[in-house]
């Protein structure tokens, strides 16, 4: 069982996935890579995002295609582990070794990061 307490509430976390950037959201990183957006190093070169246009494209794609719902649960980490082990959740990286898409997804993300390291830092 994993019990990771977040300092943010659910609303803030979901909002960041929808309005943030790939540097702070593994969901945005995954979706952007799957959509073929170009990952770039920004700022000091340590953070990687899809740039202004790419992040806007991703935000619009999510607004058109991604939905979020939840149920209240006293110990959500217990339910999460059960669901991940029983459902086909190809975009979930954590606790999902049994999913046949996991290695392909990790490879796709790694290649995007490697390519970003080879490109100049974006402003």
C-alpha atoms as a PDB file:
ATOM      1  CA  UNK A   1       0.000   0.000   0.000  1.00  0.00           C
ATOM      2  CA  UNK A   2       1.245   3.437  -0.895  1.00  0.00           C
ATOM      3  CA  UNK A   3       0.152   6.442   1.145  1.00  0.00           C
ATOM      4  CA  UNK A   4       1.428   9.633  -0.422  1.00  0.00           C
ATOM      5  CA  UNK A   5      -0.181  12.694   1.087  1.00  0.00           C
ATOM      6  CA  UNK A   6      -0.384  15.635  -1.263  1.00  0.00           C
ATOM      7  CA  UNK A   7      -0.043  19.200  -0.075  1.00  0.00           C
ATOM      8  CA  UNK A   8      -2.541  20.252  -2.769  1.00  0.00           C
ATOM      9  CA  UNK A   9      -6.222  19.534  -2.894  1.00  0.00           C
ATOM     10  CA  UNK A  10      -7.751  17.574  -5.761  1.00  0.00           C
ATOM     11  CA  UNK A  11      -9.079  20.676  -7.497  1.00  0.00           C
ATOM     12  CA  UNK A  12      -5.604  22.263  -7.662  1.00  0.00           C
ATOM     13  CA  UNK A  13      -4.026  19.049  -8.906  1.00  0.00           C
ATOM     14  CA  UNK A  14      -6.600  18.534 -11.668  1.00  0.00           C
ATOM     15  CA  UNK A  15      -6.428  22.203 -12.655  1.00  0.00           C
ATOM     16  CA  UNK A  16      -2.657  21.971 -13.044  1.00  0.00           C
ATOM     17  CA  UNK A  17      -2.997  18.934 -15.313  1.00  0.00           C
ATOM     18  CA  UNK A  18      -5.392  20.924 -17.488  1.00  0.00           C
ATOM     19  CA  UNK A  19      -3.687  24.337 -17.385  1.00  0.00           C
ATOM     20  CA  UNK A  20      -0.081  23.696 -16.363  1.00  0.00           C
ATOM     21  CA  UNK A  21       2.778  22.386 -18.439  1.00  0.00           C
ATOM     22  CA  UNK A  22       4.652  19.148 -19.093  1.00  0.00           C
ATOM     23  CA  UNK A  23       7.390  20.053 -16.609  1.00  0.00           C
ATOM     24  CA  UNK A  24       4.962  19.700 -13.715  1.00  0.00           C
ATOM     25  CA  UNK A  25       2.443  17.176 -15.015  1.00  0.00           C
ATOM     26  CA  UNK A  26       3.312  13.635 -16.001  1.00  0.00           C
ATOM     27  CA  UNK A  27      -0.142  13.400 -17.620  1.00  0.00           C
ATOM     28  CA  UNK A  28       0.606  16.396 -19.864  1.00  0.00           C
ATOM     29  CA  UNK A  29       4.035  14.970 -20.698  1.00  0.00           C
ATOM     30  CA  UNK A  30       2.517  11.626 -21.684  1.00  0.00           C
ATOM     31  CA  UNK A  31      -0.344  13.092 -23.729  1.00  0.00           C
ATOM     32  CA  UNK A  32       1.913  15.576 -25.503  1.00  0.00           C
ATOM     33  CA  UNK A  33       4.370  12.838 -26.458  1.00  0.00           C
ATOM     34  CA  UNK A  34       1.531  10.645 -27.748  1.00  0.00           C
ATOM     35  CA  UNK A  35       0.181  13.571 -29.777  1.00  0.00           C
ATOM     36  CA  UNK A  36       3.615  14.150 -31.305  1.00  0.00           C
ATOM     37  CA  UNK A  37       4.259  17.563 -29.757  1.00  0.00           C
ATOM     38  CA  UNK A  38       7.910  18.615 -29.572  1.00  0.00           C
ATOM     39  CA  UNK A  39       9.324  18.674 -26.060  1.00  0.00           C
ATOM     40  CA  UNK A  40      11.854  21.463 -25.473  1.00  0.00           C
ATOM     41  CA  UNK A  41      14.133  22.579 -22.672  1.00  0.00           C
ATOM     42  CA  UNK A  42      13.090  25.979 -21.325  1.00  0.00           C
ATOM     43  CA  UNK A  43      14.396  28.569 -18.877  1.00  0.00           C
ATOM     44  CA  UNK A  44      17.697  27.380 -17.402  1.00  0.00           C
ATOM     45  CA  UNK A  45      17.427  24.204 -19.463  1.00  0.00           C
ATOM     46  CA  UNK A  46      16.417  21.934 -16.581  1.00  0.00           C
ATOM     47  CA  UNK A  47      12.651  22.079 -17.219  1.00  0.00           C
ATOM     48  CA  UNK A  48      11.033  20.574 -20.308  1.00  0.00           C
ATOM     49  CA  UNK A  49       7.720  21.701 -21.774  1.00  0.00           C
ATOM     50  CA  UNK A  50       6.019  21.734 -25.157  1.00  0.00           C
ATOM     51  CA  UNK A  51       6.533  25.512 -25.404  1.00  0.00           C
ATOM     52  CA  UNK A  52       3.782  28.091 -25.493  1.00  0.00           C
ATOM     53  CA  UNK A  53       2.129  26.894 -28.703  1.00  0.00           C
ATOM     54  CA  UNK A  54       2.502  23.203 -27.880  1.00  0.00           C
ATOM     55  CA  UNK A  55       1.114  23.581 -24.368  1.00  0.00           C
ATOM     56  CA  UNK A  56      -1.828  25.592 -25.764  1.00  0.00           C
ATOM     57  CA  UNK A  57      -2.482  22.867 -28.341  1.00  0.00           C
ATOM     58  CA  UNK A  58      -2.375  20.245 -25.597  1.00  0.00           C
ATOM     59  CA  UNK A  59      -4.691  22.268 -23.343  1.00  0.00           C
ATOM     60  CA  UNK A  60      -7.201  22.578 -26.161  1.00  0.00           C
ATOM     61  CA  UNK A  61      -6.952  18.850 -26.964  1.00  0.00           C
ATOM     62  CA  UNK A  62      -7.587  18.046 -23.296  1.00  0.00           C
ATOM     63  CA  UNK A  63     -10.544  20.448 -23.146  1.00  0.00           C
ATOM     64  CA  UNK A  64     -12.038  18.688 -26.164  1.00  0.00           C
ATOM     65  CA  UNK A  65     -11.205  15.090 -25.234  1.00  0.00           C
ATOM     66  CA  UNK A  66     -10.310  14.549 -21.562  1.00  0.00           C
ATOM     67  CA  UNK A  67     -12.794  14.293 -18.717  1.00  0.00           C
ATOM     68  CA  UNK A  68     -12.260  13.916 -14.994  1.00  0.00           C
ATOM     69  CA  UNK A  69     -14.500  12.441 -12.364  1.00  0.00           C
ATOM     70  CA  UNK A  70     -13.910  11.153  -8.859  1.00  0.00           C
ATOM     71  CA  UNK A  71     -15.496   9.531  -5.875  1.00  0.00           C
ATOM     72  CA  UNK A  72     -14.780  10.298  -2.257  1.00  0.00           C
ATOM     73  CA  UNK A  73     -12.747   7.596  -0.564  1.00  0.00           C
ATOM     74  CA  UNK A  74     -11.257   7.499   2.955  1.00  0.00           C
ATOM     75  CA  UNK A  75      -8.165   5.625   1.747  1.00  0.00           C
ATOM     76  CA  UNK A  76      -7.896   6.445  -1.969  1.00  0.00           C
ATOM     77  CA  UNK A  77      -4.501   4.737  -2.321  1.00  0.00           C
ATOM     78  CA  UNK A  78      -6.166   1.383  -1.564  1.00  0.00           C
ATOM     79  CA  UNK A  79      -8.758   1.837  -4.292  1.00  0.00           C
ATOM     80  CA  UNK A  80      -6.101   3.134  -6.683  1.00  0.00           C
ATOM     81  CA  UNK A  81      -3.975  -0.001  -6.279  1.00  0.00           C
ATOM     82  CA  UNK A  82      -6.989  -2.256  -6.842  1.00  0.00           C
ATOM     83  CA  UNK A  83      -8.119  -0.364  -9.934  1.00  0.00           C
ATOM     84  CA  UNK A  84      -4.655  -0.284 -11.493  1.00  0.00           C
ATOM     85  CA  UNK A  85      -4.226  -4.022 -10.970  1.00  0.00           C
ATOM     86  CA  UNK A  86      -7.626  -4.855 -12.506  1.00  0.00           C
ATOM     87  CA  UNK A  87      -8.227  -2.313 -15.262  1.00  0.00           C
ATOM     88  CA  UNK A  88      -6.422  -1.580 -18.503  1.00  0.00           C
ATOM     89  CA  UNK A  89      -5.029   1.896 -17.796  1.00  0.00           C
ATOM     90  CA  UNK A  90      -2.355   2.318 -20.468  1.00  0.00           C
ATOM     91  CA  UNK A  91      -1.357   5.883 -19.542  1.00  0.00           C
ATOM     92  CA  UNK A  92      -0.736   5.130 -15.877  1.00  0.00           C
ATOM     93  CA  UNK A  93       2.971   4.641 -15.117  1.00  0.00           C
ATOM     94  CA  UNK A  94       2.861   3.918 -11.396  1.00  0.00           C
ATOM     95  CA  UNK A  95       2.090   0.335 -10.278  1.00  0.00           C
ATOM     96  CA  UNK A  96       1.328  -0.654 -13.864  1.00  0.00           C
ATOM     97  CA  UNK A  97       4.087  -3.093 -14.861  1.00  0.00           C
ATOM     98  CA  UNK A  98       1.515  -5.623 -16.069  1.00  0.00           C
ATOM     99  CA  UNK A  99       0.301  -3.302 -18.838  1.00  0.00           C
ATOM    100  CA  UNK A 100       1.814  -4.236 -22.220  1.00  0.00           C
ATOM    101  CA  UNK A 101       1.893  -0.575 -23.351  1.00  0.00           C
ATOM    102  CA  UNK A 102       4.018   0.587 -20.400  1.00  0.00           C
ATOM    103  CA  UNK A 103       7.415  -0.137 -21.966  1.00  0.00           C
ATOM    104  CA  UNK A 104       6.398   1.568 -25.231  1.00  0.00           C
ATOM    105  CA  UNK A 105       5.107   4.612 -23.351  1.00  0.00           C
ATOM    106  CA  UNK A 106       8.284   4.894 -21.274  1.00  0.00           C
ATOM    107  CA  UNK A 107      10.370   4.601 -24.434  1.00  0.00           C
ATOM    108  CA  UNK A 108       8.342   7.317 -26.173  1.00  0.00           C
ATOM    109  CA  UNK A 109       8.760   9.690 -23.230  1.00  0.00           C
ATOM    110  CA  UNK A 110      12.489   8.915 -22.942  1.00  0.00           C
ATOM    111  CA  UNK A 111      13.032   9.602 -26.656  1.00  0.00           C
ATOM    112  CA  UNK A 112      11.181  12.925 -26.365  1.00  0.00           C
ATOM    113  CA  UNK A 113      13.380  13.938 -23.424  1.00  0.00           C
ATOM    114  CA  UNK A 114      16.545  12.863 -25.251  1.00  0.00           C
ATOM    115  CA  UNK A 115      15.544  14.829 -28.334  1.00  0.00           C
ATOM    116  CA  UNK A 116      14.824  17.894 -26.164  1.00  0.00           C
ATOM    117  CA  UNK A 117      18.329  17.624 -24.665  1.00  0.00           C
ATOM    118  CA  UNK A 118      19.779  17.702 -28.192  1.00  0.00           C
ATOM    119  CA  UNK A 119      17.885  20.869 -29.176  1.00  0.00           C
ATOM    120  CA  UNK A 120      18.819  24.392 -28.090  1.00  0.00           C
ATOM    121  CA  UNK A 121      17.045  25.826 -25.058  1.00  0.00           C
ATOM    122  CA  UNK A 122      13.844  27.651 -26.026  1.00  0.00           C
ATOM    123  CA  UNK A 123      13.087  31.086 -24.706  1.00  0.00           C
END
